[in-house]
Amino acid sequence: MNDMTDADAKAICAALGVNTRTITDTFGRTLTVIDEEGMRILAANSPNPARGQALTDQVMAAVREEYGL
């Protein structure tokens, strides 16, 4: 779904109590980021919570492996 604006995403996060942070990457792009807790809240409120949690598990495992966390 590419038609969601940054404001839309931030509004959903705010409604669910998910904290967001704005960063600038090394290419100068402004990005909105959330932490693992926020990802889990969004997954739990998704149309398919089990799939959302499984995808969050995959993303977090890849991040931990890549960055040695």
N, C-alpha and C. Protein backbone atom coordinates (compact mmCIF):
# COMPACT_ATOMS: atom_id res chain seq x y z
N MET A 1 0.86 -1.18 0.00
CA MET A 1 0.00 0.00 0.00
C MET A 1 0.89 1.23 0.00
N ASN A 2 0.97 1.90 -1.11
CA ASN A 2 1.85 3.06 -1.23
C ASN A 2 1.11 4.38 -1.17
N ASP A 3 -0.19 4.38 -1.01
CA ASP A 3 -0.93 5.62 -1.01
C ASP A 3 -1.14 6.19 0.39
N MET A 4 -0.50 5.61 1.39
CA MET A 4 -0.57 6.14 2.76
C MET A 4 0.51 7.22 2.91
N THR A 5 0.11 8.38 3.36
CA THR A 5 1.08 9.45 3.56
C THR A 5 1.76 9.29 4.92
N ASP A 6 2.83 10.03 5.11
CA ASP A 6 3.52 10.03 6.40
C ASP A 6 2.57 10.50 7.49
N ALA A 7 1.74 11.48 7.17
CA ALA A 7 0.77 11.97 8.15
C ALA A 7 -0.25 10.88 8.51
N ASP A 8 -0.67 10.09 7.52
CA ASP A 8 -1.60 8.98 7.78
C ASP A 8 -0.96 7.97 8.75
N ALA A 9 0.28 7.59 8.46
CA ALA A 9 0.98 6.62 9.30
C ALA A 9 1.15 7.15 10.72
N LYS A 10 1.52 8.41 10.84
CA LYS A 10 1.69 9.00 12.17
C LYS A 10 0.36 9.07 12.92
N ALA A 11 -0.72 9.33 12.22
CA ALA A 11 -2.05 9.38 12.85
C ALA A 11 -2.45 8.00 13.37
N ILE A 12 -2.21 6.96 12.59
CA ILE A 12 -2.51 5.60 13.05
C ILE A 12 -1.67 5.27 14.28
N CYS A 13 -0.39 5.59 14.21
CA CYS A 13 0.50 5.33 15.36
C CYS A 13 0.01 6.08 16.60
N ALA A 14 -0.36 7.34 16.44
CA ALA A 14 -0.83 8.14 17.57
C ALA A 14 -2.10 7.54 18.17
N ALA A 15 -3.01 7.10 17.31
CA ALA A 15 -4.27 6.53 17.78
C ALA A 15 -4.04 5.24 18.59
N LEU A 16 -2.98 4.51 18.26
CA LEU A 16 -2.68 3.26 18.95
C LEU A 16 -1.65 3.44 20.07
N GLY A 17 -1.18 4.66 20.27
CA GLY A 17 -0.21 4.92 21.32
C GLY A 17 1.21 4.49 20.97
N VAL A 18 1.52 4.41 19.68
CA VAL A 18 2.85 4.02 19.22
C VAL A 18 3.70 5.27 19.06
N ASN A 19 4.85 5.28 19.73
CA ASN A 19 5.76 6.42 19.62
C ASN A 19 6.51 6.36 18.29
N THR A 20 6.63 7.50 17.64
CA THR A 20 7.39 7.60 16.39
C THR A 20 8.55 8.56 16.60
N ARG A 21 9.55 8.39 15.76
CA ARG A 21 10.71 9.28 15.78
C ARG A 21 11.04 9.61 14.33
N THR A 22 11.47 10.82 14.07
CA THR A 22 11.86 11.22 12.73
C THR A 22 13.38 11.29 12.67
N ILE A 23 13.96 10.65 11.66
CA ILE A 23 15.41 10.67 11.48
C ILE A 23 15.73 11.07 10.05
N THR A 24 16.97 11.43 9.80
CA THR A 24 17.46 11.68 8.45
C THR A 24 18.54 10.65 8.18
N ASP A 25 18.39 9.89 7.08
CA ASP A 25 19.38 8.86 6.78
C ASP A 25 20.60 9.47 6.08
N THR A 26 21.55 8.62 5.74
CA THR A 26 22.80 9.10 5.15
C THR A 26 22.62 9.68 3.75
N PHE A 27 21.47 9.45 3.13
CA PHE A 27 21.19 10.00 1.81
C PHE A 27 20.37 11.30 1.89
N GLY A 28 20.11 11.75 3.12
CA GLY A 28 19.36 12.98 3.32
C GLY A 28 17.85 12.82 3.32
N ARG A 29 17.39 11.57 3.29
CA ARG A 29 15.94 11.34 3.31
C ARG A 29 15.43 11.39 4.75
N THR A 30 14.25 11.98 4.92
CA THR A 30 13.61 12.03 6.23
C THR A 30 12.71 10.80 6.36
N LEU A 31 12.90 10.05 7.45
CA LEU A 31 12.15 8.82 7.67
C LEU A 31 11.48 8.84 9.04
N THR A 32 10.31 8.24 9.12
CA THR A 32 9.64 8.04 10.40
C THR A 32 9.93 6.62 10.84
N VAL A 33 10.42 6.45 12.07
CA VAL A 33 10.77 5.12 12.56
C VAL A 33 10.02 4.82 13.86
N ILE A 34 9.85 3.52 14.11
CA ILE A 34 9.26 3.05 15.36
C ILE A 34 10.13 1.92 15.90
N ASP A 35 10.02 1.67 17.19
CA ASP A 35 10.81 0.60 17.81
C ASP A 35 10.03 -0.72 17.78
N GLU A 36 10.66 -1.76 18.32
CA GLU A 36 10.04 -3.09 18.28
C GLU A 36 8.69 -3.11 19.00
N GLU A 37 8.62 -2.45 20.13
CA GLU A 37 7.34 -2.42 20.86
C GLU A 37 6.24 -1.83 19.98
N GLY A 38 6.57 -0.74 19.29
CA GLY A 38 5.60 -0.12 18.39
C GLY A 38 5.20 -1.03 17.24
N MET A 39 6.19 -1.76 16.70
CA MET A 39 5.89 -2.71 15.63
C MET A 39 4.93 -3.78 16.11
N ARG A 40 5.13 -4.23 17.34
CA ARG A 40 4.26 -5.28 17.89
C ARG A 40 2.84 -4.77 18.13
N ILE A 41 2.72 -3.51 18.56
CA ILE A 41 1.39 -2.92 18.74
C ILE A 41 0.67 -2.82 17.40
N LEU A 42 1.38 -2.36 16.37
CA LEU A 42 0.78 -2.28 15.05
C LEU A 42 0.38 -3.66 14.54
N ALA A 43 1.25 -4.65 14.75
CA ALA A 43 0.95 -6.02 14.31
C ALA A 43 -0.29 -6.55 15.02
N ALA A 44 -0.39 -6.31 16.32
CA ALA A 44 -1.53 -6.80 17.10
C ALA A 44 -2.84 -6.17 16.63
N ASN A 45 -2.77 -5.00 16.05
CA ASN A 45 -3.97 -4.30 15.58
C ASN A 45 -4.17 -4.41 14.08
N SER A 46 -3.41 -5.28 13.44
CA SER A 46 -3.53 -5.46 11.99
C SER A 46 -4.70 -6.40 11.67
N PRO A 47 -5.10 -6.48 10.40
CA PRO A 47 -6.19 -7.40 10.03
C PRO A 47 -5.87 -8.86 10.35
N ASN A 48 -4.59 -9.24 10.34
CA ASN A 48 -4.17 -10.60 10.65
C ASN A 48 -3.05 -10.53 11.69
N PRO A 49 -3.41 -10.42 12.98
CA PRO A 49 -2.41 -10.24 14.03
C PRO A 49 -1.33 -11.32 14.08
N ALA A 50 -1.70 -12.57 13.84
CA ALA A 50 -0.70 -13.65 13.89
C ALA A 50 0.35 -13.46 12.80
N ARG A 51 -0.10 -13.12 11.61
CA ARG A 51 0.85 -12.86 10.51
C ARG A 51 1.68 -11.62 10.80
N GLY A 52 1.05 -10.60 11.35
CA GLY A 52 1.78 -9.38 11.70
C GLY A 52 2.88 -9.64 12.71
N GLN A 53 2.58 -10.44 13.71
CA GLN A 53 3.60 -10.78 14.71
C GLN A 53 4.71 -11.63 14.10
N ALA A 54 4.35 -12.55 13.22
CA ALA A 54 5.35 -13.40 12.56
C ALA A 54 6.29 -12.55 11.69
N LEU A 55 5.73 -11.59 10.97
CA LEU A 55 6.57 -10.71 10.15
C LEU A 55 7.48 -9.85 11.03
N THR A 56 6.95 -9.38 12.14
CA THR A 56 7.76 -8.60 13.08
C THR A 56 8.90 -9.45 13.61
N ASP A 57 8.63 -10.71 13.94
CA ASP A 57 9.68 -11.62 14.39
C ASP A 57 10.78 -11.75 13.34
N GLN A 58 10.38 -11.89 12.06
CA GLN A 58 11.35 -12.03 10.98
C GLN A 58 12.20 -10.78 10.82
N VAL A 59 11.55 -9.63 10.84
CA VAL A 59 12.27 -8.37 10.70
C VAL A 59 13.27 -8.18 11.85
N MET A 60 12.81 -8.43 13.06
CA MET A 60 13.69 -8.23 14.22
C MET A 60 14.85 -9.23 14.23
N ALA A 61 14.61 -10.46 13.80
CA ALA A 61 15.69 -11.45 13.71
C ALA A 61 16.73 -11.01 12.69
N ALA A 62 16.28 -10.49 11.56
CA ALA A 62 17.21 -10.03 10.52
C ALA A 62 18.03 -8.84 11.02
N VAL A 63 17.39 -7.93 11.73
CA VAL A 63 18.10 -6.76 12.27
C VAL A 63 19.14 -7.20 13.30
N ARG A 64 18.73 -8.09 14.18
CA ARG A 64 19.67 -8.56 15.22
C ARG A 64 20.87 -9.27 14.60
N GLU A 65 20.62 -10.07 13.57
CA GLU A 65 21.71 -10.78 12.90
C GLU A 65 22.63 -9.79 12.18
N GLU A 66 22.05 -8.87 11.46
CA GLU A 66 22.84 -7.89 10.69
C GLU A 66 23.70 -7.01 11.58
N TYR A 67 23.15 -6.58 12.70
CA TYR A 67 23.85 -5.61 13.55
C TYR A 67 24.41 -6.22 14.84
N GLY A 68 24.30 -7.53 14.98
CA GLY A 68 24.89 -8.20 16.13
C GLY A 68 24.26 -7.81 17.46
N LEU A 69 22.96 -7.59 17.45
CA LEU A 69 22.26 -7.17 18.67
C LEU A 69 21.79 -8.36 19.47
